[in-house]
Amino acid sequence: MTFATNDDWVDPDTKALLEAVVLLETPQEAAHFLRDLCTRRELTEMSKRWAIARLLDEGGSYRAISEETGASTATVTRIAQWLNHGTGGYRSMLERFGEPRT
């Protein structure tokens, strides 16, 4: 697995984690791995971020998304930035899931 030269966040342990994630074959396998790897709070926060990305992609307002998810408007704004100007991770997953694009 190769990364761009500006991916200084990818150390050997991060690379090993990413490679493990790619090997997951089913939602149940992913659930078991992530539950062992993460705390409930971490899983809740990641799930909330994914929900925010989906809601943003559906055209929801930052305030409405904040109220619906309980996330701060700062978090919603940050996720919107990554959705629109990030590395394309959110966008590629939204497209794979067939989510609407505004």
C-alpha atoms as a PDB file:
ATOM      1  CA  MET A   1       0.000   0.000   0.000  1.00  0.00           C
ATOM      2  CA  THR A   2       1.463   3.339  -1.007  1.00  0.00           C
ATOM      3  CA  PHE A   3       0.525   6.801   0.109  1.00  0.00           C
ATOM      4  CA  ALA A   4       1.239  10.312  -1.081  1.00  0.00           C
ATOM      5  CA  THR A   5       4.375  11.906   0.299  1.00  0.00           C
ATOM      6  CA  ASN A   6       2.325  14.305   2.425  1.00  0.00           C
ATOM      7  CA  ASP A   7       0.712  11.420   4.325  1.00  0.00           C
ATOM      8  CA  ASP A   8       2.967  11.919   7.350  1.00  0.00           C
ATOM      9  CA  TRP A   9       0.215  10.539   9.597  1.00  0.00           C
ATOM     10  CA  VAL A  10       0.792   7.052   8.153  1.00  0.00           C
ATOM     11  CA  ASP A  11       3.413   5.335  10.293  1.00  0.00           C
ATOM     12  CA  PRO A  12       4.043   1.553  10.207  1.00  0.00           C
ATOM     13  CA  ASP A  13       1.333   0.878  12.813  1.00  0.00           C
ATOM     14  CA  THR A  14      -1.214   2.987  10.938  1.00  0.00           C
ATOM     15  CA  LYS A  15      -0.324   1.211   7.704  1.00  0.00           C
ATOM     16  CA  ALA A  16      -0.826  -2.175   9.401  1.00  0.00           C
ATOM     17  CA  LEU A  17      -4.232  -1.027  10.699  1.00  0.00           C
ATOM     18  CA  LEU A  18      -5.311   0.168   7.254  1.00  0.00           C
ATOM     19  CA  GLU A  19      -4.226  -3.117   5.724  1.00  0.00           C
ATOM     20  CA  ALA A  20      -6.242  -5.014   8.361  1.00  0.00           C
ATOM     21  CA  VAL A  21      -9.352  -2.918   7.633  1.00  0.00           C
ATOM     22  CA  VAL A  22      -9.089  -3.660   3.922  1.00  0.00           C
ATOM     23  CA  LEU A  23      -9.078  -7.397   4.711  1.00  0.00           C
ATOM     24  CA  LEU A  24     -12.453  -7.260   6.481  1.00  0.00           C
ATOM     25  CA  GLU A  25     -14.970  -9.192   4.391  1.00  0.00           C
ATOM     26  CA  THR A  26     -18.358  -8.791   6.083  1.00  0.00           C
ATOM     27  CA  PRO A  27     -20.173  -6.238   8.228  1.00  0.00           C
ATOM     28  CA  GLN A  28     -20.140  -8.753  11.087  1.00  0.00           C
ATOM     29  CA  GLU A  29     -16.382  -9.196  10.772  1.00  0.00           C
ATOM     30  CA  ALA A  30     -15.984  -5.414  10.732  1.00  0.00           C
ATOM     31  CA  ALA A  31     -18.203  -5.083  13.802  1.00  0.00           C
ATOM     32  CA  HIS A  32     -16.164  -7.641  15.740  1.00  0.00           C
ATOM     33  CA  PHE A  33     -12.848  -6.049  14.759  1.00  0.00           C
ATOM     34  CA  LEU A  34     -13.937  -2.488  15.460  1.00  0.00           C
ATOM     35  CA  ARG A  35     -15.569  -3.414  18.774  1.00  0.00           C
ATOM     36  CA  ASP A  36     -12.341  -5.040  19.946  1.00  0.00           C
ATOM     37  CA  LEU A  37     -10.251  -2.151  18.626  1.00  0.00           C
ATOM     38  CA  CYS A  38     -12.309   0.840  19.761  1.00  0.00           C
ATOM     39  CA  THR A  39     -14.139   1.990  22.835  1.00  0.00           C
ATOM     40  CA  ARG A  40     -17.905   2.404  22.606  1.00  0.00           C
ATOM     41  CA  ARG A  41     -17.414   6.159  22.670  1.00  0.00           C
ATOM     42  CA  GLU A  42     -14.947   6.013  19.756  1.00  0.00           C
ATOM     43  CA  LEU A  43     -17.381   3.880  17.743  1.00  0.00           C
ATOM     44  CA  THR A  44     -20.237   6.246  18.558  1.00  0.00           C
ATOM     45  CA  GLU A  45     -18.182   9.249  17.465  1.00  0.00           C
ATOM     46  CA  MET A  46     -17.112   7.595  14.193  1.00  0.00           C
ATOM     47  CA  SER A  47     -20.707   6.541  13.506  1.00  0.00           C
ATOM     48  CA  LYS A  48     -21.863  10.095  14.180  1.00  0.00           C
ATOM     49  CA  ARG A  49     -19.266  11.484  11.769  1.00  0.00           C
ATOM     50  CA  TRP A  50     -20.439   9.080   9.063  1.00  0.00           C
ATOM     51  CA  ALA A  51     -24.064  10.094   9.713  1.00  0.00           C
ATOM     52  CA  ILE A  52     -23.080  13.767   9.441  1.00  0.00           C
ATOM     53  CA  ALA A  53     -21.328  13.144   6.122  1.00  0.00           C
ATOM     54  CA  ARG A  54     -24.440  11.408   4.783  1.00  0.00           C
ATOM     55  CA  LEU A  55     -26.723  14.189   5.996  1.00  0.00           C
ATOM     56  CA  LEU A  56     -24.462  16.848   4.474  1.00  0.00           C
ATOM     57  CA  ASP A  57     -24.466  14.956   1.192  1.00  0.00           C
ATOM     58  CA  GLU A  58     -28.271  14.966   1.289  1.00  0.00           C
ATOM     59  CA  GLY A  59     -28.162  18.749   1.549  1.00  0.00           C
ATOM     60  CA  GLY A  60     -29.000  19.178   5.214  1.00  0.00           C
ATOM     61  CA  SER A  61     -28.230  22.478   6.909  1.00  0.00           C
ATOM     62  CA  TYR A  62     -25.411  22.579   9.425  1.00  0.00           C
ATOM     63  CA  ARG A  63     -27.769  23.648  12.217  1.00  0.00           C
ATOM     64  CA  ALA A  64     -30.332  20.923  11.470  1.00  0.00           C
ATOM     65  CA  ILE A  65     -27.588  18.280  11.287  1.00  0.00           C
ATOM     66  CA  SER A  66     -26.137  19.536  14.556  1.00  0.00           C
ATOM     67  CA  GLU A  67     -29.538  19.304  16.229  1.00  0.00           C
ATOM     68  CA  GLU A  68     -30.291  15.870  14.759  1.00  0.00           C
ATOM     69  CA  THR A  69     -26.940  14.277  15.629  1.00  0.00           C
ATOM     70  CA  GLY A  70     -26.002  16.179  18.768  1.00  0.00           C
ATOM     71  CA  ALA A  71     -22.690  17.173  17.194  1.00  0.00           C
ATOM     72  CA  SER A  72     -21.476  20.736  17.484  1.00  0.00           C
ATOM     73  CA  THR A  73     -21.771  22.981  14.457  1.00  0.00           C
ATOM     74  CA  ALA A  74     -17.953  23.142  14.523  1.00  0.00           C
ATOM     75  CA  THR A  75     -17.825  19.355  14.050  1.00  0.00           C
ATOM     76  CA  VAL A  76     -20.389  19.528  11.246  1.00  0.00           C
ATOM     77  CA  THR A  77     -18.339  22.286   9.579  1.00  0.00           C
ATOM     78  CA  ARG A  78     -15.125  20.281   9.912  1.00  0.00           C
ATOM     79  CA  ILE A  79     -16.737  17.205   8.360  1.00  0.00           C
ATOM     80  CA  ALA A  80     -18.156  19.356   5.545  1.00  0.00           C
ATOM     81  CA  GLN A  81     -14.626  20.594   4.847  1.00  0.00           C
ATOM     82  CA  TRP A  82     -13.298  17.040   4.604  1.00  0.00           C
ATOM     83  CA  LEU A  83     -16.304  15.975   2.523  1.00  0.00           C
ATOM     84  CA  ASN A  84     -15.809  18.800   0.024  1.00  0.00           C
ATOM     85  CA  HIS A  85     -12.046  19.389   0.124  1.00  0.00           C
ATOM     86  CA  GLY A  86     -10.501  16.335   1.768  1.00  0.00           C
ATOM     87  CA  THR A  87      -8.806  13.305   0.273  1.00  0.00           C
ATOM     88  CA  GLY A  88     -12.031  11.907  -1.200  1.00  0.00           C
ATOM     89  CA  GLY A  89     -12.602   9.221   1.400  1.00  0.00           C
ATOM     90  CA  TYR A  90     -16.075  10.332   2.394  1.00  0.00           C
ATOM     91  CA  ARG A  91     -17.066  10.961  -1.218  1.00  0.00           C
ATOM     92  CA  SER A  92     -15.913   7.570  -2.498  1.00  0.00           C
ATOM     93  CA  MET A  93     -17.809   5.741   0.248  1.00  0.00           C
ATOM     94  CA  LEU A  94     -20.959   7.803  -0.336  1.00  0.00           C
ATOM     95  CA  GLU A  95     -20.795   6.953  -4.028  1.00  0.00           C
ATOM     96  CA  ARG A  96     -20.283   3.256  -3.308  1.00  0.00           C
ATOM     97  CA  PHE A  97     -23.315   3.262  -1.063  1.00  0.00           C
ATOM     98  CA  GLY A  98     -25.336   5.084  -3.721  1.00  0.00           C
ATOM     99  CA  GLU A  99     -26.069   8.042  -1.487  1.00  0.00           C
ATOM    100  CA  PRO A 100     -27.428  11.167  -3.189  1.00  0.00           C
ATOM    101  CA  ARG A 101     -24.954  13.866  -4.097  1.00  0.00           C
ATOM    102  CA  THR A 102     -26.020  17.484  -3.915  1.00  0.00           C
END
